[in-house]
Amino acid sequence: MLEKYRSCQNCALGVTRKKLVFGSGLSNPPVIFIGEGPGADEDVQGEPFVGRAGKLLTKMISAIGIERDDVYITNIVKCRPPGNRNPTPAEISCCLPIIKQQIEILNPKLIVTLGNIPTKTFIPDAPGITKARGKMKQYEKWKIIPTFHPSYLLRNRTAMPLAWDDFKMIMEFTFKITQS
């Protein structure tokens, strides 16, 4: 699937990117973590969540007893929006078939949306992330747990206890599915 999209230029982001940031991790993961879009470090390395926010995400995943290599991590858009701005609705719609295909192929038991953009992409009527987080939702046949984006947590440390509650929910869910 990666080869099919490696030269994608369906939107302006494909023209300005350094590397396509498709996703990384297990090919049959119990959990997929979906962020908004690659940052500068990710654009250079071609891997999702490798900068400061990625280091925090990795620590949070490890804190619930899961290794980063045992999940799949990706973003709604696969190319870096300039200036680390949010992806536009048009850019999201260009990448939406790709992320939906990734979900279909990987078929996780749980999707964790990191921030407003991925949450609203899959749950359009969801309130803002502060109200949507911590509640299990449904997207087609998949369960979704929305939580804060790690970059938000780096800027707003007071939200860490709420994020930790969300990650405990993720831990409990993954424990149940691995025991059944």
N, C-alpha and C. Protein backbone atom coordinates (compact mmCIF):
# COMPACT_ATOMS: atom_id res chain seq x y z
N MET A 1 0.81 -1.20 0.00
CA MET A 1 0.00 0.00 0.00
C MET A 1 0.86 1.27 0.00
N LEU A 2 1.96 1.23 0.73
CA LEU A 2 2.87 2.38 0.79
C LEU A 2 3.35 2.76 -0.61
N GLU A 3 3.74 1.77 -1.40
CA GLU A 3 4.27 2.05 -2.74
C GLU A 3 3.24 2.78 -3.60
N LYS A 4 1.98 2.44 -3.41
CA LYS A 4 0.90 3.06 -4.19
C LYS A 4 0.85 4.57 -3.95
N TYR A 5 1.18 5.00 -2.73
CA TYR A 5 1.04 6.42 -2.37
C TYR A 5 2.36 7.17 -2.24
N ARG A 6 3.48 6.50 -2.41
CA ARG A 6 4.78 7.13 -2.21
C ARG A 6 4.96 8.41 -3.04
N SER A 7 4.40 8.44 -4.24
CA SER A 7 4.55 9.63 -5.10
C SER A 7 3.28 10.47 -5.15
N CYS A 8 2.39 10.29 -4.17
CA CYS A 8 1.11 11.01 -4.14
C CYS A 8 1.33 12.52 -4.15
N GLN A 9 0.58 13.18 -5.01
CA GLN A 9 0.54 14.64 -5.04
C GLN A 9 -0.90 15.09 -5.24
N ASN A 10 -1.81 14.43 -4.52
CA ASN A 10 -3.23 14.76 -4.63
C ASN A 10 -3.57 16.14 -4.08
N CYS A 11 -2.67 16.69 -3.26
CA CYS A 11 -2.87 18.05 -2.73
C CYS A 11 -1.51 18.74 -2.68
N ALA A 12 -1.50 20.00 -2.32
CA ALA A 12 -0.26 20.78 -2.29
C ALA A 12 0.76 20.25 -1.29
N LEU A 13 0.30 19.55 -0.25
CA LEU A 13 1.25 19.01 0.73
C LEU A 13 2.21 18.01 0.10
N GLY A 14 1.74 17.27 -0.88
CA GLY A 14 2.58 16.29 -1.56
C GLY A 14 3.71 16.93 -2.34
N VAL A 15 3.51 18.16 -2.75
CA VAL A 15 4.53 18.88 -3.52
C VAL A 15 5.62 19.42 -2.61
N THR A 16 5.25 19.84 -1.40
CA THR A 16 6.21 20.51 -0.50
C THR A 16 6.89 19.57 0.50
N ARG A 17 6.42 18.35 0.62
CA ARG A 17 6.99 17.45 1.63
C ARG A 17 8.40 17.01 1.26
N LYS A 18 9.16 16.60 2.29
CA LYS A 18 10.45 15.96 2.06
C LYS A 18 10.24 14.46 1.91
N LYS A 19 9.48 13.87 2.86
CA LYS A 19 9.20 12.44 2.82
C LYS A 19 7.74 12.19 3.17
N LEU A 20 7.18 11.19 2.55
CA LEU A 20 5.84 10.72 2.92
C LEU A 20 5.95 10.04 4.28
N VAL A 21 5.08 10.41 5.20
CA VAL A 21 5.08 9.82 6.54
C VAL A 21 3.84 8.93 6.62
N PHE A 22 4.01 7.69 6.20
CA PHE A 22 2.87 6.80 6.01
C PHE A 22 2.35 6.21 7.31
N GLY A 23 3.27 5.78 8.15
CA GLY A 23 2.91 5.13 9.41
C GLY A 23 3.94 4.07 9.73
N SER A 24 3.93 3.61 10.98
CA SER A 24 4.89 2.56 11.35
C SER A 24 4.32 1.74 12.49
N GLY A 25 4.80 0.50 12.54
CA GLY A 25 4.39 -0.38 13.62
C GLY A 25 4.00 -1.75 13.12
N LEU A 26 3.30 -2.44 13.99
CA LEU A 26 2.87 -3.82 13.76
C LEU A 26 1.88 -3.89 12.61
N SER A 27 1.95 -4.97 11.82
CA SER A 27 1.04 -5.11 10.68
C SER A 27 -0.33 -5.66 11.09
N ASN A 28 -0.45 -6.17 12.30
CA ASN A 28 -1.76 -6.61 12.82
C ASN A 28 -1.91 -6.12 14.26
N PRO A 29 -1.94 -4.80 14.43
CA PRO A 29 -1.89 -4.22 15.77
C PRO A 29 -3.23 -4.31 16.51
N PRO A 30 -3.17 -4.43 17.82
CA PRO A 30 -4.42 -4.33 18.57
C PRO A 30 -4.91 -2.88 18.62
N VAL A 31 -3.97 -1.92 18.50
CA VAL A 31 -4.29 -0.50 18.63
C VAL A 31 -3.59 0.30 17.53
N ILE A 32 -4.33 1.25 16.95
CA ILE A 32 -3.75 2.25 16.05
C ILE A 32 -3.89 3.61 16.74
N PHE A 33 -2.79 4.35 16.79
CA PHE A 33 -2.80 5.73 17.27
C PHE A 33 -2.77 6.63 16.04
N ILE A 34 -3.72 7.56 15.95
CA ILE A 34 -3.81 8.44 14.78
C ILE A 34 -3.69 9.89 15.22
N GLY A 35 -2.64 10.55 14.74
CA GLY A 35 -2.43 11.97 15.01
C GLY A 35 -2.95 12.83 13.88
N GLU A 36 -2.52 14.08 13.87
CA GLU A 36 -3.02 15.05 12.90
C GLU A 36 -2.20 15.04 11.62
N GLY A 37 -0.91 15.34 11.74
CA GLY A 37 -0.04 15.40 10.58
C GLY A 37 1.40 15.44 11.01
N PRO A 38 2.31 15.10 10.12
CA PRO A 38 3.73 15.10 10.47
C PRO A 38 4.25 16.50 10.78
N GLY A 39 5.22 16.57 11.68
CA GLY A 39 5.94 17.80 11.97
C GLY A 39 7.26 17.80 11.21
N ALA A 40 8.12 18.74 11.54
CA ALA A 40 9.40 18.90 10.83
C ALA A 40 10.29 17.67 10.97
N ASP A 41 10.41 17.12 12.18
CA ASP A 41 11.26 15.94 12.38
C ASP A 41 10.73 14.74 11.60
N GLU A 42 9.42 14.59 11.61
CA GLU A 42 8.80 13.47 10.90
C GLU A 42 8.99 13.61 9.40
N ASP A 43 8.89 14.84 8.89
CA ASP A 43 9.07 15.10 7.47
C ASP A 43 10.47 14.73 7.01
N VAL A 44 11.46 14.98 7.85
CA VAL A 44 12.85 14.65 7.51
C VAL A 44 13.09 13.14 7.58
N GLN A 45 12.56 12.50 8.65
CA GLN A 45 12.85 11.08 8.88
C GLN A 45 11.88 10.13 8.18
N GLY A 46 10.69 10.61 7.82
CA GLY A 46 9.71 9.75 7.17
C GLY A 46 9.01 8.80 8.12
N GLU A 47 9.07 9.08 9.42
CA GLU A 47 8.44 8.25 10.45
C GLU A 47 7.52 9.13 11.29
N PRO A 48 6.37 8.61 11.72
CA PRO A 48 5.47 9.41 12.54
C PRO A 48 5.94 9.51 13.99
N PHE A 49 5.65 10.62 14.59
CA PHE A 49 5.87 10.84 16.02
C PHE A 49 7.30 10.51 16.47
N VAL A 50 8.27 11.19 15.87
CA VAL A 50 9.67 11.01 16.28
C VAL A 50 10.24 12.24 16.97
N GLY A 51 9.52 13.34 16.96
CA GLY A 51 9.96 14.55 17.64
C GLY A 51 9.60 14.53 19.12
N ARG A 52 9.52 15.70 19.73
CA ARG A 52 9.22 15.80 21.16
C ARG A 52 7.87 15.16 21.50
N ALA A 53 6.85 15.44 20.68
CA ALA A 53 5.53 14.85 20.92
C ALA A 53 5.59 13.33 20.78
N GLY A 54 6.39 12.86 19.85
CA GLY A 54 6.54 11.42 19.65
C GLY A 54 7.22 10.74 20.82
N LYS A 55 8.21 11.41 21.37
CA LYS A 55 8.89 10.84 22.55
C LYS A 55 7.91 10.74 23.73
N LEU A 56 7.06 11.75 23.90
CA LEU A 56 6.06 11.69 24.95
C LEU A 56 5.05 10.57 24.68
N LEU A 57 4.59 10.45 23.44
CA LEU A 57 3.65 9.38 23.09
C LEU A 57 4.26 8.01 23.37
N THR A 58 5.51 7.82 23.00
CA THR A 58 6.19 6.54 23.26
C THR A 58 6.24 6.25 24.75
N LYS A 59 6.56 7.26 25.56
CA LYS A 59 6.58 7.07 27.03
C LYS A 59 5.21 6.69 27.56
N MET A 60 4.18 7.34 27.05
CA MET A 60 2.82 7.07 27.51
C MET A 60 2.38 5.65 27.13
N ILE A 61 2.72 5.23 25.93
CA ILE A 61 2.39 3.87 25.50
C ILE A 61 3.13 2.86 26.37
N SER A 62 4.41 3.11 26.60
CA SER A 62 5.21 2.21 27.46
C SER A 62 4.68 2.16 28.88
N ALA A 63 4.17 3.29 29.38
CA ALA A 63 3.67 3.35 30.75
C ALA A 63 2.46 2.45 30.97
N ILE A 64 1.75 2.09 29.89
CA ILE A 64 0.61 1.19 30.05
C ILE A 64 0.97 -0.25 29.67
N GLY A 65 2.27 -0.51 29.58
CA GLY A 65 2.73 -1.88 29.36
C GLY A 65 2.71 -2.35 27.92
N ILE A 66 2.70 -1.42 26.99
CA ILE A 66 2.70 -1.77 25.57
C ILE A 66 3.95 -1.15 24.95
N GLU A 67 4.58 -1.88 24.07
CA GLU A 67 5.74 -1.33 23.37
C GLU A 67 5.28 -0.62 22.10
N ARG A 68 5.98 0.42 21.74
CA ARG A 68 5.64 1.18 20.53
C ARG A 68 5.60 0.26 19.31
N ASP A 69 6.50 -0.71 19.23
CA ASP A 69 6.54 -1.62 18.08
C ASP A 69 5.34 -2.55 18.03
N ASP A 70 4.55 -2.62 19.10
CA ASP A 70 3.40 -3.52 19.16
C ASP A 70 2.08 -2.82 18.84
N VAL A 71 2.15 -1.58 18.38
CA VAL A 71 0.97 -0.83 17.93
C VAL A 71 1.30 -0.27 16.54
N TYR A 72 0.36 0.44 15.96
CA TYR A 72 0.61 1.13 14.70
C TYR A 72 0.36 2.61 14.94
N ILE A 73 1.23 3.45 14.43
CA ILE A 73 1.13 4.90 14.63
C ILE A 73 1.14 5.58 13.27
N THR A 74 0.18 6.47 13.07
CA THR A 74 0.07 7.18 11.80
C THR A 74 -0.59 8.54 12.04
N ASN A 75 -0.88 9.24 10.97
CA ASN A 75 -1.54 10.54 11.04
C ASN A 75 -2.66 10.60 10.02
N ILE A 76 -3.57 11.53 10.21
CA ILE A 76 -4.65 11.75 9.25
C ILE A 76 -4.06 12.15 7.90
N VAL A 77 -3.16 13.13 7.87
CA VAL A 77 -2.49 13.48 6.62
C VAL A 77 -1.07 12.93 6.66
N LYS A 78 -0.57 12.56 5.51
CA LYS A 78 0.71 11.86 5.42
C LYS A 78 1.88 12.78 5.08
N CYS A 79 1.59 14.04 4.83
CA CYS A 79 2.64 15.02 4.49
C CYS A 79 2.52 16.22 5.43
N ARG A 80 3.64 16.85 5.68
CA ARG A 80 3.70 17.95 6.65
C ARG A 80 3.01 19.22 6.14
N PRO A 81 2.04 19.72 6.90
CA PRO A 81 1.51 21.05 6.58
C PRO A 81 2.57 22.11 6.91
N PRO A 82 2.81 23.06 6.02
CA PRO A 82 3.84 24.08 6.26
C PRO A 82 3.61 24.83 7.57
N GLY A 83 4.70 25.12 8.27
CA GLY A 83 4.63 25.89 9.50
C GLY A 83 3.91 25.17 10.63
N ASN A 84 3.80 23.86 10.51
CA ASN A 84 3.10 23.04 11.52
C ASN A 84 1.65 23.49 11.74
N ARG A 85 1.05 24.07 10.71
CA ARG A 85 -0.36 24.45 10.82
C ARG A 85 -1.22 23.18 10.78
N ASN A 86 -2.48 23.33 11.16
CA ASN A 86 -3.41 22.21 11.05
C ASN A 86 -3.70 21.92 9.59
N PRO A 87 -3.91 20.65 9.25
CA PRO A 87 -4.29 20.35 7.87
C PRO A 87 -5.67 20.94 7.57
N THR A 88 -5.86 21.36 6.33
CA THR A 88 -7.15 21.92 5.92
C THR A 88 -8.15 20.78 5.67
N PRO A 89 -9.44 21.10 5.66
CA PRO A 89 -10.43 20.06 5.31
C PRO A 89 -10.15 19.43 3.94
N ALA A 90 -9.70 20.22 2.97
CA ALA A 90 -9.40 19.67 1.64
C ALA A 90 -8.23 18.69 1.71
N GLU A 91 -7.19 19.03 2.48
CA GLU A 91 -6.04 18.13 2.62
C GLU A 91 -6.45 16.85 3.33
N ILE A 92 -7.28 16.98 4.35
CA ILE A 92 -7.77 15.80 5.07
C ILE A 92 -8.56 14.91 4.12
N SER A 93 -9.43 15.51 3.31
CA SER A 93 -10.24 14.68 2.42
C SER A 93 -9.39 13.98 1.37
N CYS A 94 -8.26 14.57 0.98
CA CYS A 94 -7.35 13.89 0.04
C CYS A 94 -6.73 12.64 0.67
N CYS A 95 -6.42 12.72 1.97
CA CYS A 95 -5.78 11.59 2.66
C CYS A 95 -6.77 10.61 3.28
N LEU A 96 -8.03 11.01 3.38
CA LEU A 96 -9.01 10.17 4.06
C LEU A 96 -9.12 8.75 3.48
N PRO A 97 -9.13 8.59 2.15
CA PRO A 97 -9.18 7.21 1.63
C PRO A 97 -7.97 6.38 2.06
N ILE A 98 -6.82 7.03 2.22
CA ILE A 98 -5.61 6.31 2.62
C ILE A 98 -5.74 5.82 4.06
N ILE A 99 -6.11 6.70 4.98
CA ILE A 99 -6.21 6.30 6.38
C ILE A 99 -7.32 5.26 6.56
N LYS A 100 -8.42 5.41 5.82
CA LYS A 100 -9.49 4.41 5.92
C LYS A 100 -9.02 3.05 5.42
N GLN A 101 -8.23 3.06 4.35
CA GLN A 101 -7.68 1.81 3.83
C GLN A 101 -6.69 1.20 4.82
N GLN A 102 -5.87 2.03 5.45
CA GLN A 102 -4.95 1.53 6.47
C GLN A 102 -5.73 0.85 7.60
N ILE A 103 -6.78 1.49 8.08
CA ILE A 103 -7.58 0.92 9.16
C ILE A 103 -8.19 -0.41 8.72
N GLU A 104 -8.73 -0.43 7.52
CA GLU A 104 -9.36 -1.65 7.00
C GLU A 104 -8.35 -2.80 6.93
N ILE A 105 -7.17 -2.53 6.42
CA ILE A 105 -6.14 -3.57 6.27
C ILE A 105 -5.59 -4.00 7.62
N LEU A 106 -5.28 -3.05 8.49
CA LEU A 106 -4.68 -3.37 9.79
C LEU A 106 -5.70 -3.96 10.75
N ASN A 107 -6.95 -3.55 10.61
CA ASN A 107 -8.07 -4.08 11.39
C ASN A 107 -7.78 -4.17 12.89
N PRO A 108 -7.50 -3.02 13.51
CA PRO A 108 -7.22 -3.03 14.95
C PRO A 108 -8.49 -3.28 15.76
N LYS A 109 -8.32 -3.57 17.01
CA LYS A 109 -9.47 -3.66 17.92
C LYS A 109 -9.84 -2.27 18.45
N LEU A 110 -8.85 -1.37 18.45
CA LEU A 110 -9.05 -0.04 19.02
C LEU A 110 -8.30 1.00 18.21
N ILE A 111 -8.95 2.14 18.01
CA ILE A 111 -8.32 3.31 17.40
C ILE A 111 -8.25 4.39 18.47
N VAL A 112 -7.07 4.96 18.66
CA VAL A 112 -6.91 6.08 19.59
C VAL A 112 -6.65 7.32 18.73
N THR A 113 -7.58 8.28 18.81
CA THR A 113 -7.41 9.52 18.06
C THR A 113 -6.74 10.54 18.97
N LEU A 114 -5.69 11.14 18.46
CA LEU A 114 -4.87 12.08 19.22
C LEU A 114 -5.20 13.51 18.79
N GLY A 115 -6.10 14.14 19.51
CA GLY A 115 -6.45 15.53 19.22
C GLY A 115 -7.77 15.68 18.48
N ASN A 116 -8.13 16.95 18.27
CA ASN A 116 -9.40 17.29 17.63
C ASN A 116 -9.53 16.79 16.20
N ILE A 117 -8.50 16.98 15.41
CA ILE A 117 -8.62 16.71 13.98
C ILE A 117 -8.93 15.24 13.70
N PRO A 118 -8.15 14.29 14.20
CA PRO A 118 -8.53 12.90 13.93
C PRO A 118 -9.84 12.50 14.60
N THR A 119 -10.12 13.07 15.76
CA THR A 119 -11.38 12.74 16.43
C THR A 119 -12.57 13.19 15.59
N LYS A 120 -12.54 14.44 15.12
CA LYS A 120 -13.65 14.95 14.31
C LYS A 120 -13.69 14.31 12.92
N THR A 121 -12.57 13.80 12.45
CA THR A 121 -12.56 13.12 11.16
C THR A 121 -13.40 11.85 11.23
N PHE A 122 -13.27 11.11 12.32
CA PHE A 122 -14.00 9.84 12.45
C PHE A 122 -15.32 9.97 13.20
N ILE A 123 -15.45 11.01 14.01
CA ILE A 123 -16.68 11.23 14.77
C ILE A 123 -17.08 12.69 14.54
N PRO A 124 -17.68 13.00 13.38
CA PRO A 124 -17.93 14.39 13.01
C PRO A 124 -18.76 15.18 14.03
N ASP A 125 -19.66 14.52 14.74
CA ASP A 125 -20.49 15.24 15.70
C ASP A 125 -19.89 15.30 17.10
N ALA A 126 -18.64 14.86 17.23
CA ALA A 126 -17.98 14.90 18.54
C ALA A 126 -17.77 16.35 18.98
N PRO A 127 -17.91 16.60 20.28
CA PRO A 127 -17.57 17.94 20.77
C PRO A 127 -16.05 18.12 20.70
N GLY A 128 -15.54 19.23 21.14
CA GLY A 128 -14.09 19.42 21.18
C GLY A 128 -13.42 18.32 21.99
N ILE A 129 -12.14 18.16 21.81
CA ILE A 129 -11.41 17.05 22.43
C ILE A 129 -11.52 17.05 23.95
N THR A 130 -11.60 18.22 24.56
CA THR A 130 -11.70 18.28 26.02
C THR A 130 -12.95 17.57 26.52
N LYS A 131 -14.04 17.66 25.76
CA LYS A 131 -15.28 16.97 26.14
C LYS A 131 -15.36 15.56 25.55
N ALA A 132 -14.76 15.34 24.39
CA ALA A 132 -14.86 14.03 23.73
C ALA A 132 -13.93 12.99 24.35
N ARG A 133 -12.82 13.44 24.94
CA ARG A 133 -11.81 12.51 25.44
C ARG A 133 -12.36 11.67 26.59
N GLY A 134 -11.77 10.49 26.72
CA GLY A 134 -12.13 9.64 27.86
C GLY A 134 -13.42 8.88 27.70
N LYS A 135 -14.06 8.98 26.55
CA LYS A 135 -15.31 8.25 26.31
C LYS A 135 -15.13 7.38 25.08
N MET A 136 -15.45 6.11 25.21
CA MET A 136 -15.31 5.22 24.07
C MET A 136 -16.42 5.52 23.06
N LYS A 137 -16.02 5.61 21.81
CA LYS A 137 -16.94 5.90 20.70
C LYS A 137 -16.88 4.74 19.72
N GLN A 138 -17.71 4.82 18.70
CA GLN A 138 -17.74 3.79 17.66
C GLN A 138 -17.54 4.45 16.31
N TYR A 139 -16.68 3.86 15.48
CA TYR A 139 -16.54 4.26 14.08
C TYR A 139 -16.64 2.98 13.27
N GLU A 140 -17.71 2.86 12.52
CA GLU A 140 -17.98 1.63 11.79
C GLU A 140 -17.87 0.46 12.76
N LYS A 141 -16.96 -0.49 12.50
CA LYS A 141 -16.88 -1.65 13.41
C LYS A 141 -15.80 -1.50 14.48
N TRP A 142 -15.16 -0.33 14.54
CA TRP A 142 -14.03 -0.13 15.45
C TRP A 142 -14.40 0.75 16.63
N LYS A 143 -13.82 0.43 17.76
CA LYS A 143 -13.93 1.26 18.95
C LYS A 143 -12.89 2.38 18.84
N ILE A 144 -13.25 3.56 19.32
CA ILE A 144 -12.34 4.71 19.31
C ILE A 144 -12.29 5.30 20.71
N ILE A 145 -11.08 5.62 21.15
CA ILE A 145 -10.90 6.41 22.37
C ILE A 145 -10.17 7.69 21.98
N PRO A 146 -10.87 8.83 22.04
CA PRO A 146 -10.21 10.11 21.77
C PRO A 146 -9.41 10.56 23.00
N THR A 147 -8.27 11.16 22.75
CA THR A 147 -7.48 11.75 23.83
C THR A 147 -6.72 12.95 23.28
N PHE A 148 -6.02 13.63 24.17
CA PHE A 148 -5.26 14.81 23.77
C PHE A 148 -4.07 14.42 22.89
N HIS A 149 -3.71 15.32 22.00
CA HIS A 149 -2.50 15.14 21.20
C HIS A 149 -1.30 15.38 22.11
N PRO A 150 -0.24 14.60 21.98
CA PRO A 150 0.93 14.80 22.84
C PRO A 150 1.52 16.21 22.77
N SER A 151 1.45 16.86 21.61
CA SER A 151 1.98 18.23 21.53
C SER A 151 1.17 19.18 22.41
N TYR A 152 -0.13 18.93 22.53
CA TYR A 152 -0.96 19.73 23.44
C TYR A 152 -0.51 19.50 24.88
N LEU A 153 -0.22 18.25 25.21
CA LEU A 153 0.22 17.93 26.58
C LEU A 153 1.56 18.57 26.90
N LEU A 154 2.43 18.72 25.92
CA LEU A 154 3.71 19.39 26.14
C LEU A 154 3.50 20.87 26.47
N ARG A 155 2.46 21.45 25.91
CA ARG A 155 2.16 22.87 26.15
C ARG A 155 1.26 23.08 27.37
N ASN A 156 0.52 22.05 27.75
CA ASN A 156 -0.48 22.16 28.82
C ASN A 156 -0.34 20.98 29.78
N ARG A 157 0.67 21.02 30.58
CA ARG A 157 0.96 19.91 31.51
C ARG A 157 -0.19 19.61 32.46
N THR A 158 -1.05 20.59 32.71
CA THR A 158 -2.17 20.35 33.63
C THR A 158 -3.16 19.33 33.07
N ALA A 159 -3.11 19.07 31.77
CA ALA A 159 -4.00 18.08 31.16
C ALA A 159 -3.46 16.66 31.27
N MET A 160 -2.23 16.51 31.75
CA MET A 160 -1.62 15.17 31.84
C MET A 160 -2.44 14.17 32.66
N PRO A 161 -2.99 14.55 33.82
CA PRO A 161 -3.79 13.57 34.57
C PRO A 161 -5.00 13.05 33.78
N LEU A 162 -5.62 13.93 32.98
CA LEU A 162 -6.74 13.49 32.15
C LEU A 162 -6.27 12.53 31.07
N ALA A 163 -5.14 12.85 30.45
CA ALA A 163 -4.57 11.96 29.44
C ALA A 163 -4.20 10.62 30.05
N TRP A 164 -3.67 10.65 31.26
CA TRP A 164 -3.32 9.40 31.94
C TRP A 164 -4.57 8.55 32.17
N ASP A 165 -5.69 9.19 32.53
CA ASP A 165 -6.96 8.46 32.67
C ASP A 165 -7.34 7.79 31.35
N ASP A 166 -7.16 8.51 30.25
CA ASP A 166 -7.46 7.94 28.93
C ASP A 166 -6.56 6.74 28.64
N PHE A 167 -5.29 6.87 28.96
CA PHE A 167 -4.35 5.77 28.69
C PHE A 167 -4.63 4.57 29.59
N LYS A 168 -5.13 4.80 30.78
CA LYS A 168 -5.54 3.66 31.63
C LYS A 168 -6.73 2.95 30.99
N MET A 169 -7.63 3.71 30.38
CA MET A 169 -8.76 3.12 29.67
C MET A 169 -8.27 2.29 28.48
N ILE A 170 -7.29 2.81 27.76
CA ILE A 170 -6.67 2.08 26.64
C ILE A 170 -6.04 0.79 27.16
N MET A 171 -5.34 0.88 28.28
CA MET A 171 -4.69 -0.29 28.88
C MET A 171 -5.72 -1.34 29.26
N GLU A 172 -6.80 -0.93 29.90
CA GLU A 172 -7.84 -1.88 30.31
C GLU A 172 -8.47 -2.55 29.10
N PHE A 173 -8.74 -1.78 28.05
CA PHE A 173 -9.34 -2.34 26.84
C PHE A 173 -8.40 -3.34 26.18
N THR A 174 -7.13 -2.97 26.03
CA THR A 174 -6.19 -3.89 25.38
C THR A 174 -5.95 -5.13 26.23
N PHE A 175 -5.99 -5.00 27.55
CA PHE A 175 -5.85 -6.17 28.41
C PHE A 175 -7.01 -7.13 28.17
N LYS A 176 -8.22 -6.59 28.09
CA LYS A 176 -9.40 -7.44 27.85
C LYS A 176 -9.30 -8.18 26.53
N ILE A 177 -8.88 -7.48 25.48
CA ILE A 177 -8.85 -8.13 24.16
C ILE A 177 -7.72 -9.14 24.06
N THR A 178 -6.64 -8.94 24.78
CA THR A 178 -5.55 -9.92 24.72
C THR A 178 -5.86 -11.14 25.58
N GLN A 179 -6.78 -11.01 26.52
CA GLN A 179 -7.15 -12.14 27.37
C GLN A 179 -8.27 -12.97 26.76
N SER A 180 -8.94 -12.44 25.74
CA SER A 180 -10.06 -13.19 25.15
C SER A 180 -9.67 -13.96 23.92
